[in-house]
């Protein structure tokens, strides 16, 4: 078979595959043309987040005493992979406090390790991501701003104590005592 005939057959087969591919793509477009859009008009309409959504970080207060929960232990600072948390402890008569607590949110990985190691559940994740800004300096959060975020947004389910409880090994099941063994031990 001459070379020109083989090239012509290749062209028409490629052209046929192209037409079928375009037809399939247009079919998907026509099928979805009548569907209701799933776009959320964000600033006006707030989206509901699932229970396990983990967003921005915040600091908490003790609801009973009104004191901040952070004791300045610096565990969050030590475990943070990108080293974006800075804590200075202030020793008081009754307990310790965080004199300085800074979080560089623009470099945070949201790995949640700081939440997991906090012994007092002072740092938690919120059900929001909404801190968009044009100035990076506004994402350098101090203690007061982190407390305000904790009051403004709904907290996530994941506190340090709950996460540690999930990671603890299960307790072994108690073996049921046999009837004969129970009678012997009582006699």
Protein backbone atom coordinates (compact mmCIF):
# COMPACT_ATOMS: atom_id res chain seq x y z
CA UNK A 1 0.00 0.00 0.00
CA UNK A 2 1.43 3.40 -0.90
CA UNK A 3 2.50 5.75 1.88
CA UNK A 4 -0.03 8.45 0.97
CA UNK A 5 -2.92 5.98 1.43
CA UNK A 6 -1.66 4.95 4.88
CA UNK A 7 -1.34 8.60 5.96
CA UNK A 8 -4.89 9.30 4.75
CA UNK A 9 -6.30 6.38 6.78
CA UNK A 10 -4.45 7.61 9.87
CA UNK A 11 -5.86 11.09 9.41
CA UNK A 12 -9.47 9.89 9.17
CA UNK A 13 -9.14 7.58 12.18
CA UNK A 14 -7.62 10.39 14.25
CA UNK A 15 -10.35 12.73 13.06
CA UNK A 16 -13.02 10.19 14.05
CA UNK A 17 -11.57 9.84 17.54
CA UNK A 18 -11.48 13.61 17.88
CA UNK A 19 -15.16 13.93 16.88
CA UNK A 20 -16.16 11.20 19.37
CA UNK A 21 -14.19 12.88 22.18
CA UNK A 22 -15.79 16.27 21.47
CA UNK A 23 -19.21 14.59 21.32
CA UNK A 24 -18.69 12.95 24.73
CA UNK A 25 -17.55 16.26 26.24
CA UNK A 26 -20.54 18.11 24.81
CA UNK A 27 -22.82 15.36 26.13
CA UNK A 28 -21.53 15.92 29.66
CA UNK A 29 -22.05 19.67 29.21
CA UNK A 30 -25.63 19.22 27.96
CA UNK A 31 -26.45 16.77 30.76
CA UNK A 32 -25.31 19.27 33.43
CA UNK A 33 -26.84 22.29 31.72
CA UNK A 34 -30.17 21.92 33.52
CA UNK A 35 -28.74 21.17 36.98
CA UNK A 36 -29.01 23.61 39.85
CA UNK A 37 -25.66 25.39 40.43
CA UNK A 38 -23.75 24.53 43.60
CA UNK A 39 -22.05 27.90 43.89
CA UNK A 40 -22.21 29.50 47.32
CA UNK A 41 -22.20 33.31 47.28
CA UNK A 42 -19.58 33.37 50.01
CA UNK A 43 -19.60 36.64 51.89
CA UNK A 44 -23.39 36.79 51.92
CA UNK A 45 -24.13 33.09 52.44
CA UNK A 46 -22.10 31.20 55.02
CA UNK A 47 -21.45 27.54 54.31
CA UNK A 48 -22.07 24.91 56.97
CA UNK A 49 -18.94 22.98 57.87
CA UNK A 50 -18.85 19.33 58.90
CA UNK A 51 -18.32 18.46 62.56
CA UNK A 52 -14.70 17.44 62.03
CA UNK A 53 -13.71 20.57 60.09
CA UNK A 54 -10.53 22.08 61.49
CA UNK A 55 -9.75 25.68 60.64
CA UNK A 56 -7.91 28.53 62.29
CA UNK A 57 -6.40 28.31 65.75
CA UNK A 58 -7.62 30.17 68.84
CA UNK A 59 -6.97 30.43 72.57
CA UNK A 60 -9.64 29.67 75.17
CA UNK A 61 -10.74 30.92 78.57
CA UNK A 62 -11.95 28.88 81.51
CA UNK A 63 -15.74 29.41 81.55
CA UNK A 64 -16.02 29.16 85.33
CA UNK A 65 -13.18 31.42 86.47
CA UNK A 66 -12.75 33.65 83.42
CA UNK A 67 -8.99 33.03 83.40
CA UNK A 68 -7.11 32.03 80.29
CA UNK A 69 -6.40 28.34 80.00
CA UNK A 70 -2.84 28.70 78.72
CA UNK A 71 -0.29 28.00 81.44
CA UNK A 72 2.74 28.89 79.32
CA UNK A 73 4.16 25.36 79.29
CA UNK A 74 5.54 25.89 75.75
CA UNK A 75 4.70 22.36 74.59
CA UNK A 76 2.97 23.80 71.53
CA UNK A 77 6.07 25.82 70.71
CA UNK A 78 8.34 22.77 70.99
CA UNK A 79 6.22 20.47 68.83
CA UNK A 80 5.37 22.95 66.06
CA UNK A 81 7.13 21.76 62.86
CA UNK A 82 7.48 25.19 61.19
CA UNK A 83 8.22 26.88 64.56
CA UNK A 84 5.51 29.53 64.19
CA UNK A 85 4.43 29.66 67.87
CA UNK A 86 6.30 31.78 70.40
CA UNK A 87 5.37 31.58 74.11
CA UNK A 88 6.83 33.31 77.16
CA UNK A 89 5.74 32.17 80.62
CA UNK A 90 4.71 34.46 83.46
CA UNK A 91 4.93 32.85 86.91
CA UNK A 92 2.19 33.87 89.31
CA UNK A 93 1.33 32.85 92.87
CA UNK A 94 -1.45 30.38 92.05
CA UNK A 95 -0.45 29.24 88.57
CA UNK A 96 1.57 30.15 85.51
CA UNK A 97 0.26 32.18 82.56
CA UNK A 98 1.42 32.93 79.06
CA UNK A 99 2.88 36.43 79.13
CA UNK A 100 3.38 36.39 75.36
CA UNK A 101 1.67 34.04 72.90
CA UNK A 102 2.30 34.72 69.22
CA UNK A 103 1.22 32.67 66.24
CA UNK A 104 2.42 33.32 62.70
CA UNK A 105 -0.71 32.10 60.94
CA UNK A 106 0.67 32.82 57.46
CA UNK A 107 3.24 30.03 57.93
CA UNK A 108 1.12 27.61 59.96
CA UNK A 109 0.72 24.12 58.49
CA UNK A 110 -2.52 23.43 60.42
CA UNK A 111 -1.06 20.08 61.44
CA UNK A 112 -2.92 20.19 64.77
CA UNK A 113 0.05 18.98 66.80
CA UNK A 114 -0.14 22.01 69.08
CA UNK A 115 -3.76 21.18 69.86
CA UNK A 116 -2.91 17.56 70.64
CA UNK A 117 -0.14 18.31 73.14
CA UNK A 118 -1.85 21.13 75.05
CA UNK A 119 -2.54 19.77 78.56
CA UNK A 120 -5.21 22.38 79.35
CA UNK A 121 -7.01 22.57 75.97
CA UNK A 122 -5.92 26.21 75.76
CA UNK A 123 -5.30 26.12 72.01
CA UNK A 124 -8.08 24.74 69.84
CA UNK A 125 -9.11 24.75 66.21
CA UNK A 126 -12.20 26.61 65.09
CA UNK A 127 -14.82 25.85 62.42
CA UNK A 128 -13.68 28.72 60.22
CA UNK A 129 -10.92 29.67 57.87
CA UNK A 130 -12.08 33.24 57.48
CA UNK A 131 -9.10 35.49 58.13
CA UNK A 132 -8.38 36.59 54.58
CA UNK A 133 -6.37 39.78 54.36
CA UNK A 134 -4.20 41.66 51.92
CA UNK A 135 -1.55 42.44 54.53
CA UNK A 136 0.56 39.58 55.82
CA UNK A 137 1.29 41.39 59.09
CA UNK A 138 -2.36 40.97 60.10
CA UNK A 139 -1.77 37.20 60.21
CA UNK A 140 0.78 37.59 63.01
CA UNK A 141 -1.64 36.88 65.84
CA UNK A 142 -0.99 37.84 69.45
CA UNK A 143 -2.67 36.50 72.59
CA UNK A 144 -5.51 39.04 72.59
CA UNK A 145 -6.39 38.43 68.95
CA UNK A 146 -6.30 34.65 69.45
CA UNK A 147 -8.69 34.99 72.41
CA UNK A 148 -11.01 37.16 70.28
CA UNK A 149 -11.01 34.52 67.52
CA UNK A 150 -11.96 31.94 70.13
CA UNK A 151 -15.02 34.01 71.02
CA UNK A 152 -16.00 34.91 67.43
CA UNK A 153 -16.13 31.45 65.85
CA UNK A 154 -17.58 28.06 66.69
CA UNK A 155 -14.97 25.63 68.07
CA UNK A 156 -14.18 22.40 66.29
CA UNK A 157 -14.83 19.06 67.99
CA UNK A 158 -11.10 18.36 68.17
CA UNK A 159 -9.66 19.45 71.48
CA UNK A 160 -6.40 18.06 72.82
CA UNK A 161 -8.07 15.80 75.38
CA UNK A 162 -10.47 14.28 72.83
CA UNK A 163 -7.65 13.65 70.37
CA UNK A 164 -5.47 12.03 73.02
CA UNK A 165 -8.37 9.82 74.10
CA UNK A 166 -8.82 8.67 70.51
CA UNK A 167 -5.15 7.72 70.25
CA UNK A 168 -5.02 5.82 73.53
CA UNK A 169 -4.95 2.06 73.07
CA UNK A 170 -8.27 0.37 73.82
CA UNK A 171 -8.72 -1.19 77.22
CA UNK A 172 -8.54 -5.01 77.16
CA UNK A 173 -11.87 -6.78 77.42
CA UNK A 174 -12.61 -8.55 80.66
CA UNK A 175 -12.76 -12.29 80.22
CA UNK A 176 -16.04 -13.77 81.47
CA UNK A 177 -15.46 -16.06 84.43
CA UNK A 178 -16.48 -19.68 83.96
CA UNK A 179 -19.25 -20.94 86.26
CA UNK A 180 -17.07 -23.63 87.83
CA UNK A 181 -14.20 -21.22 88.53
CA UNK A 182 -16.49 -18.70 90.24
CA UNK A 183 -17.82 -21.35 92.68
CA UNK A 184 -14.31 -22.58 93.55
CA UNK A 185 -13.03 -19.10 94.33
CA UNK A 186 -15.92 -18.36 96.72
CA UNK A 187 -15.50 -21.60 98.68
